[in-house]
Every structure is written in C-alpha cells, then in structure tokens.
Amino acid sequence: MKPSKVKPEQKIRIHGRIAIFIRRYPAEAGRPAINVIRVPDYAGLSGPNDDGSCQISDYDFSRKVTEF
C-alpha cells in the first residue's frame, strides 16, 4: 500500500495488528519521509503516557501495511 493513498485517522493493518495512520511527514533537505502510526496494542509499553505511536519509513510502509 502506498503511504500517499492513506488518509489521517484511517485504520490499517501491519503484521496482523490493527493500527491508525496519524500523519506523513514528506522528505525534505535530505531527510527521508516518515509516517506516524498508532498501534493500540503498543500503548503503555514505555510508561503510562505512551499512546502507542510509532514511526515507519515509506519503504517499510509500502511493504508491510495493508488495508483494514
């Protein structure tokens, strides 16, 4: 799935887990593009304020993410 086709707050599936797409930061000044997703299963792993947000590159996103 292409990261540019996903809309904010859309549910996606990554490695069998349900996630919510938050935002895509496009590439600029030599920095690669970054996609921010929230996986509810990961919430609280790093402490009580952890909401389960993760960053994923465009490369990994296109190969590991499928539609929900």
PDB file of N, CA and C in Angstrom:
ATOM      1  N   MET A   1       0.843  -1.168   0.000  1.00  0.00           N
ATOM      2  CA  MET A   1       0.000   0.000   0.000  1.00  0.00           C
ATOM      3  C   MET A   1       0.896   1.241   0.000  1.00  0.00           C
ATOM      4  N   LYS A   2       0.586   2.202  -0.821  1.00  0.00           N
ATOM      5  CA  LYS A   2       1.365   3.425  -0.898  1.00  0.00           C
ATOM      6  C   LYS A   2       0.998   4.355   0.255  1.00  0.00           C
ATOM      7  N   PRO A   3       1.974   4.963   0.899  1.00  0.00           N
ATOM      8  CA  PRO A   3       1.679   5.867   2.005  1.00  0.00           C
ATOM      9  C   PRO A   3       0.890   7.104   1.573  1.00  0.00           C
ATOM     10  N   SER A   4       1.044   7.510   0.330  1.00  0.00           N
ATOM     11  CA  SER A   4       0.327   8.696  -0.145  1.00  0.00           C
ATOM     12  C   SER A   4      -1.169   8.440  -0.345  1.00  0.00           C
ATOM     13  N   LYS A   5      -1.596   7.186  -0.368  1.00  0.00           N
ATOM     14  CA  LYS A   5      -3.012   6.847  -0.563  1.00  0.00           C
ATOM     15  C   LYS A   5      -3.797   6.798   0.746  1.00  0.00           C
ATOM     16  N   VAL A   6      -3.109   6.837   1.876  1.00  0.00           N
ATOM     17  CA  VAL A   6      -3.756   6.701   3.180  1.00  0.00           C
ATOM     18  C   VAL A   6      -4.113   8.074   3.733  1.00  0.00           C
ATOM     19  N   LYS A   7      -5.282   8.180   4.310  1.00  0.00           N
ATOM     20  CA  LYS A   7      -5.759   9.424   4.905  1.00  0.00           C
ATOM     21  C   LYS A   7      -5.565   9.384   6.422  1.00  0.00           C
ATOM     22  N   PRO A   8      -5.383  10.540   7.065  1.00  0.00           N
ATOM     23  CA  PRO A   8      -5.264  10.554   8.523  1.00  0.00           C
ATOM     24  C   PRO A   8      -6.484   9.917   9.199  1.00  0.00           C
ATOM     25  N   GLU A   9      -6.233   9.220  10.295  1.00  0.00           N
ATOM     26  CA  GLU A   9      -7.240   8.517  11.095  1.00  0.00           C
ATOM     27  C   GLU A   9      -7.815   7.281  10.399  1.00  0.00           C
ATOM     28  N   GLN A  10      -7.220   6.859   9.288  1.00  0.00           N
ATOM     29  CA  GLN A  10      -7.661   5.644   8.604  1.00  0.00           C
ATOM     30  C   GLN A  10      -7.056   4.425   9.287  1.00  0.00           C
ATOM     31  N   LYS A  11      -7.837   3.371   9.441  1.00  0.00           N
ATOM     32  CA  LYS A  11      -7.337   2.141  10.042  1.00  0.00           C
ATOM     33  C   LYS A  11      -6.575   1.347   8.996  1.00  0.00           C
ATOM     34  N   ILE A  12      -5.438   0.793   9.423  1.00  0.00           N
ATOM     35  CA  ILE A  12      -4.601  -0.026   8.564  1.00  0.00           C
ATOM     36  C   ILE A  12      -4.211  -1.283   9.326  1.00  0.00           C
ATOM     37  N   ARG A  13      -3.587  -2.213   8.647  1.00  0.00           N
ATOM     38  CA  ARG A  13      -3.132  -3.452   9.282  1.00  0.00           C
ATOM     39  C   ARG A  13      -1.637  -3.604   8.995  1.00  0.00           C
ATOM     40  N   ILE A  14      -0.858  -3.834  10.067  1.00  0.00           N
ATOM     41  CA  ILE A  14       0.579  -4.034   9.941  1.00  0.00           C
ATOM     42  C   ILE A  14       0.959  -5.259  10.762  1.00  0.00           C
ATOM     43  N   HIS A  15       1.513  -6.256  10.113  1.00  0.00           N
ATOM     44  CA  HIS A  15       1.891  -7.522  10.759  1.00  0.00           C
ATOM     45  C   HIS A  15       0.727  -8.130  11.540  1.00  0.00           C
ATOM     46  N   GLY A  16      -0.479  -8.036  11.010  1.00  0.00           N
ATOM     47  CA  GLY A  16      -1.637  -8.640  11.656  1.00  0.00           C
ATOM     48  C   GLY A  16      -2.249  -7.804  12.759  1.00  0.00           C
ATOM     49  N   ARG A  17      -1.666  -6.670  13.084  1.00  0.00           N
ATOM     50  CA  ARG A  17      -2.200  -5.793  14.129  1.00  0.00           C
ATOM     51  C   ARG A  17      -2.922  -4.616  13.491  1.00  0.00           C
ATOM     52  N   ILE A  18      -3.955  -4.168  14.145  1.00  0.00           N
ATOM     53  CA  ILE A  18      -4.700  -3.009  13.671  1.00  0.00           C
ATOM     54  C   ILE A  18      -3.996  -1.749  14.167  1.00  0.00           C
ATOM     55  N   ALA A  19      -3.822  -0.794  13.276  1.00  0.00           N
ATOM     56  CA  ALA A  19      -3.174   0.472  13.608  1.00  0.00           C
ATOM     57  C   ALA A  19      -3.980   1.618  13.002  1.00  0.00           C
ATOM     58  N   ILE A  20      -3.687   2.819  13.442  1.00  0.00           N
ATOM     59  CA  ILE A  20      -4.339   4.017  12.926  1.00  0.00           C
ATOM     60  C   ILE A  20      -3.248   4.920  12.346  1.00  0.00           C
ATOM     61  N   PHE A  21      -3.435   5.310  11.091  1.00  0.00           N
ATOM     62  CA  PHE A  21      -2.485   6.212  10.443  1.00  0.00           C
ATOM     63  C   PHE A  21      -2.710   7.616  10.987  1.00  0.00           C
ATOM     64  N   ILE A  22      -1.646   8.265  11.460  1.00  0.00           N
ATOM     65  CA  ILE A  22      -1.757   9.599  12.045  1.00  0.00           C
ATOM     66  C   ILE A  22      -1.347  10.677  11.047  1.00  0.00           C
ATOM     67  N   ARG A  23      -0.111  10.599  10.546  1.00  0.00           N
ATOM     68  CA  ARG A  23       0.374  11.661   9.680  1.00  0.00           C
ATOM     69  C   ARG A  23       1.590  11.205   8.893  1.00  0.00           C
ATOM     70  N   ARG A  24       1.808  11.825   7.745  1.00  0.00           N
ATOM     71  CA  ARG A  24       3.002  11.586   6.926  1.00  0.00           C
ATOM     72  C   ARG A  24       3.783  12.880   6.822  1.00  0.00           C
ATOM     73  N   TYR A  25       5.059  12.817   7.187  1.00  0.00           N
ATOM     74  CA  TYR A  25       5.961  13.945   7.029  1.00  0.00           C
ATOM     75  C   TYR A  25       6.772  13.709   5.770  1.00  0.00           C
ATOM     76  N   PRO A  26       6.600  14.538   4.732  1.00  0.00           N
ATOM     77  CA  PRO A  26       7.315  14.304   3.472  1.00  0.00           C
ATOM     78  C   PRO A  26       8.821  14.532   3.621  1.00  0.00           C
ATOM     79  N   ALA A  27       9.574  13.974   2.689  1.00  0.00           N
ATOM     80  CA  ALA A  27      11.024  14.134   2.682  1.00  0.00           C
ATOM     81  C   ALA A  27      11.388  15.584   2.410  1.00  0.00           C
ATOM     82  N   GLU A  28      12.429  16.045   3.088  1.00  0.00           N
ATOM     83  CA  GLU A  28      12.921  17.396   2.831  1.00  0.00           C
ATOM     84  C   GLU A  28      14.371  17.508   3.287  1.00  0.00           C
ATOM     85  N   ALA A  29      15.145  18.245   2.555  1.00  0.00           N
ATOM     86  CA  ALA A  29      16.549  18.536   2.881  1.00  0.00           C
ATOM     87  C   ALA A  29      17.358  17.274   3.175  1.00  0.00           C
ATOM     88  N   GLY A  30      17.164  16.222   2.394  1.00  0.00           N
ATOM     89  CA  GLY A  30      17.935  15.004   2.561  1.00  0.00           C
ATOM     90  C   GLY A  30      17.398  14.040   3.607  1.00  0.00           C
ATOM     91  N   ARG A  31      16.368  14.438   4.325  1.00  0.00           N
ATOM     92  CA  ARG A  31      15.759  13.572   5.334  1.00  0.00           C
ATOM     93  C   ARG A  31      14.675  12.738   4.660  1.00  0.00           C
ATOM     94  N   PRO A  32      14.632  11.426   4.900  1.00  0.00           N
ATOM     95  CA  PRO A  32      13.599  10.600   4.273  1.00  0.00           C
ATOM     96  C   PRO A  32      12.209  10.884   4.849  1.00  0.00           C
ATOM     97  N   ALA A  33      11.197  10.523   4.103  1.00  0.00           N
ATOM     98  CA  ALA A  33       9.819  10.703   4.569  1.00  0.00           C
ATOM     99  C   ALA A  33       9.545   9.770   5.754  1.00  0.00           C
ATOM    100  N   ILE A  34       8.714  10.236   6.675  1.00  0.00           N
ATOM    101  CA  ILE A  34       8.364   9.475   7.875  1.00  0.00           C
ATOM    102  C   ILE A  34       6.850   9.418   8.004  1.00  0.00           C
ATOM    103  N   ASN A  35       6.337   8.254   8.357  1.00  0.00           N
ATOM    104  CA  ASN A  35       4.913   8.066   8.595  1.00  0.00           C
ATOM    105  C   ASN A  35       4.728   7.756  10.072  1.00  0.00           C
ATOM    106  N   VAL A  36       3.743   8.390  10.684  1.00  0.00           N
ATOM    107  CA  VAL A  36       3.458   8.155  12.097  1.00  0.00           C
ATOM    108  C   VAL A  36       2.162   7.353  12.185  1.00  0.00           C
ATOM    109  N   ILE A  37       2.231   6.233  12.897  1.00  0.00           N
ATOM    110  CA  ILE A  37       1.052   5.395  13.110  1.00  0.00           C
ATOM    111  C   ILE A  37       0.883   5.163  14.610  1.00  0.00           C
ATOM    112  N   ARG A  38      -0.322   4.811  15.007  1.00  0.00           N
ATOM    113  CA  ARG A  38      -0.597   4.489  16.403  1.00  0.00           C
ATOM    114  C   ARG A  38      -1.141   3.065  16.459  1.00  0.00           C
ATOM    115  N   VAL A  39      -0.472   2.232  17.239  1.00  0.00           N
ATOM    116  CA  VAL A  39      -0.876   0.843  17.417  1.00  0.00           C
ATOM    117  C   VAL A  39      -1.403   0.701  18.851  1.00  0.00           C
ATOM    118  N   PRO A  40      -2.716   0.535  19.034  1.00  0.00           N
ATOM    119  CA  PRO A  40      -3.269   0.450  20.389  1.00  0.00           C
ATOM    120  C   PRO A  40      -2.663  -0.685  21.224  1.00  0.00           C
ATOM    121  N   ASP A  41      -2.212  -1.774  20.591  1.00  0.00           N
ATOM    122  CA  ASP A  41      -1.594  -2.872  21.337  1.00  0.00           C
ATOM    123  C   ASP A  41      -0.270  -2.453  21.980  1.00  0.00           C
ATOM    124  N   TYR A  42       0.387  -1.421  21.454  1.00  0.00           N
ATOM    125  CA  TYR A  42       1.662  -0.961  21.979  1.00  0.00           C
ATOM    126  C   TYR A  42       1.508   0.116  23.055  1.00  0.00           C
ATOM    127  N   ALA A  43       0.315   0.596  23.285  1.00  0.00           N
ATOM    128  CA  ALA A  43       0.088   1.671  24.258  1.00  0.00           C
ATOM    129  C   ALA A  43       0.481   1.210  25.659  1.00  0.00           C
ATOM    130  N   GLY A  44       1.217   2.057  26.350  1.00  0.00           N
ATOM    131  CA  GLY A  44       1.606   1.780  27.723  1.00  0.00           C
ATOM    132  C   GLY A  44       2.861   0.939  27.890  1.00  0.00           C
ATOM    133  N   LEU A  45       3.509   0.519  26.811  1.00  0.00           N
ATOM    134  CA  LEU A  45       4.706  -0.308  26.943  1.00  0.00           C
ATOM    135  C   LEU A  45       5.892   0.466  27.514  1.00  0.00           C
ATOM    136  N   SER A  46       5.992   1.746  27.211  1.00  0.00           N
ATOM    137  CA  SER A  46       7.109   2.559  27.700  1.00  0.00           C
ATOM    138  C   SER A  46       6.739   3.402  28.914  1.00  0.00           C
ATOM    139  N   GLY A  47       5.555   3.247  29.411  1.00  0.00           N
ATOM    140  CA  GLY A  47       5.107   4.017  30.565  1.00  0.00           C
ATOM    141  C   GLY A  47       3.660   4.425  30.417  1.00  0.00           C
ATOM    142  N   PRO A  48       3.103   5.041  31.434  1.00  0.00           N
ATOM    143  CA  PRO A  48       1.675   5.376  31.404  1.00  0.00           C
ATOM    144  C   PRO A  48       1.308   6.443  30.370  1.00  0.00           C
ATOM    145  N   ASN A  49       2.261   7.262  29.941  1.00  0.00           N
ATOM    146  CA  ASN A  49       1.964   8.313  28.963  1.00  0.00           C
ATOM    147  C   ASN A  49       2.163   7.864  27.522  1.00  0.00           C
ATOM    148  N   ASP A  50       2.596   6.649  27.302  1.00  0.00           N
ATOM    149  CA  ASP A  50       2.836   6.121  25.958  1.00  0.00           C
ATOM    150  C   ASP A  50       1.499   5.804  25.294  1.00  0.00           C
ATOM    151  N   ASP A  51       1.237   6.430  24.134  1.00  0.00           N
ATOM    152  CA  ASP A  51      -0.031   6.201  23.427  1.00  0.00           C
ATOM    153  C   ASP A  51       0.088   5.179  22.302  1.00  0.00           C
ATOM    154  N   GLY A  52       1.256   4.570  22.134  1.00  0.00           N
ATOM    155  CA  GLY A  52       1.440   3.541  21.121  1.00  0.00           C
ATOM    156  C   GLY A  52       1.844   4.073  19.761  1.00  0.00           C
ATOM    157  N   SER A  53       2.299   5.321  19.691  1.00  0.00           N
ATOM    158  CA  SER A  53       2.715   5.908  18.416  1.00  0.00           C
ATOM    159  C   SER A  53       4.064   5.363  17.983  1.00  0.00           C
ATOM    160  N   CYS A  54       4.213   5.126  16.678  1.00  0.00           N
ATOM    161  CA  CYS A  54       5.452   4.608  16.096  1.00  0.00           C
ATOM    162  C   CYS A  54       5.735   5.351  14.798  1.00  0.00           C
ATOM    163  N   GLN A  55       7.000   5.380  14.411  1.00  0.00           N
ATOM    164  CA  GLN A  55       7.394   5.940  13.122  1.00  0.00           C
ATOM    165  C   GLN A  55       7.785   4.800  12.212  1.00  0.00           C
ATOM    166  N   ILE A  56       7.442   4.945  10.927  1.00  0.00           N
ATOM    167  CA  ILE A  56       7.758   3.915   9.943  1.00  0.00           C
ATOM    168  C   ILE A  56       8.127   4.618   8.639  1.00  0.00           C
ATOM    169  N   SER A  57       9.153   4.114   7.961  1.00  0.00           N
ATOM    170  CA  SER A  57       9.602   4.722   6.713  1.00  0.00           C
ATOM    171  C   SER A  57       8.632   4.385   5.575  1.00  0.00           C
ATOM    172  N   ASP A  58       8.743   5.132   4.485  1.00  0.00           N
ATOM    173  CA  ASP A  58       7.915   4.854   3.304  1.00  0.00           C
ATOM    174  C   ASP A  58       8.184   3.458   2.757  1.00  0.00           C
ATOM    175  N   TYR A  59       9.446   3.049   2.782  1.00  0.00           N
ATOM    176  CA  TYR A  59       9.827   1.732   2.276  1.00  0.00           C
ATOM    177  C   TYR A  59       9.108   0.628   3.061  1.00  0.00           C
ATOM    178  N   ASP A  60       9.226   0.676   4.376  1.00  0.00           N
ATOM    179  CA  ASP A  60       8.565  -0.339   5.206  1.00  0.00           C
ATOM    180  C   ASP A  60       7.049  -0.240   5.111  1.00  0.00           C
ATOM    181  N   PHE A  61       6.530   0.974   5.056  1.00  0.00           N
ATOM    182  CA  PHE A  61       5.088   1.168   4.966  1.00  0.00           C
ATOM    183  C   PHE A  61       4.531   0.496   3.721  1.00  0.00           C
ATOM    184  N   SER A  62       5.194   0.694   2.590  1.00  0.00           N
ATOM    185  CA  SER A  62       4.686   0.151   1.327  1.00  0.00           C
ATOM    186  C   SER A  62       4.725  -1.366   1.279  1.00  0.00           C
ATOM    187  N   ARG A  63       5.604  -1.979   2.052  1.00  0.00           N
ATOM    188  CA  ARG A  63       5.735  -3.442   2.028  1.00  0.00           C
ATOM    189  C   ARG A  63       5.015  -4.156   3.159  1.00  0.00           C
ATOM    190  N   LYS A  64       4.827  -3.507   4.290  1.00  0.00           N
ATOM    191  CA  LYS A  64       4.278  -4.191   5.460  1.00  0.00           C
ATOM    192  C   LYS A  64       2.840  -3.821   5.809  1.00  0.00           C
ATOM    193  N   VAL A  65       2.326  -2.732   5.247  1.00  0.00           N
ATOM    194  CA  VAL A  65       0.990  -2.250   5.596  1.00  0.00           C
ATOM    195  C   VAL A  65      -0.027  -2.669   4.539  1.00  0.00           C
ATOM    196  N   THR A  66      -1.185  -3.142   5.001  1.00  0.00           N
ATOM    197  CA  THR A  66      -2.288  -3.461   4.114  1.00  0.00           C
ATOM    198  C   THR A  66      -3.538  -2.742   4.616  1.00  0.00           C
ATOM    199  N   GLU A  67      -4.544  -2.689   3.767  1.00  0.00           N
ATOM    200  CA  GLU A  67      -5.804  -2.037   4.170  1.00  0.00           C
ATOM    201  C   GLU A  67      -6.507  -2.868   5.207  1.00  0.00           C
ATOM    202  N   PHE A  68      -7.269  -2.202   6.026  1.00  0.00           N
ATOM    203  CA  PHE A  68      -8.018  -2.874   7.084  1.00  0.00           C
ATOM    204  C   PHE A  68      -9.307  -3.420   6.527  1.00  0.00           C
TER     205      PHE A  68
END
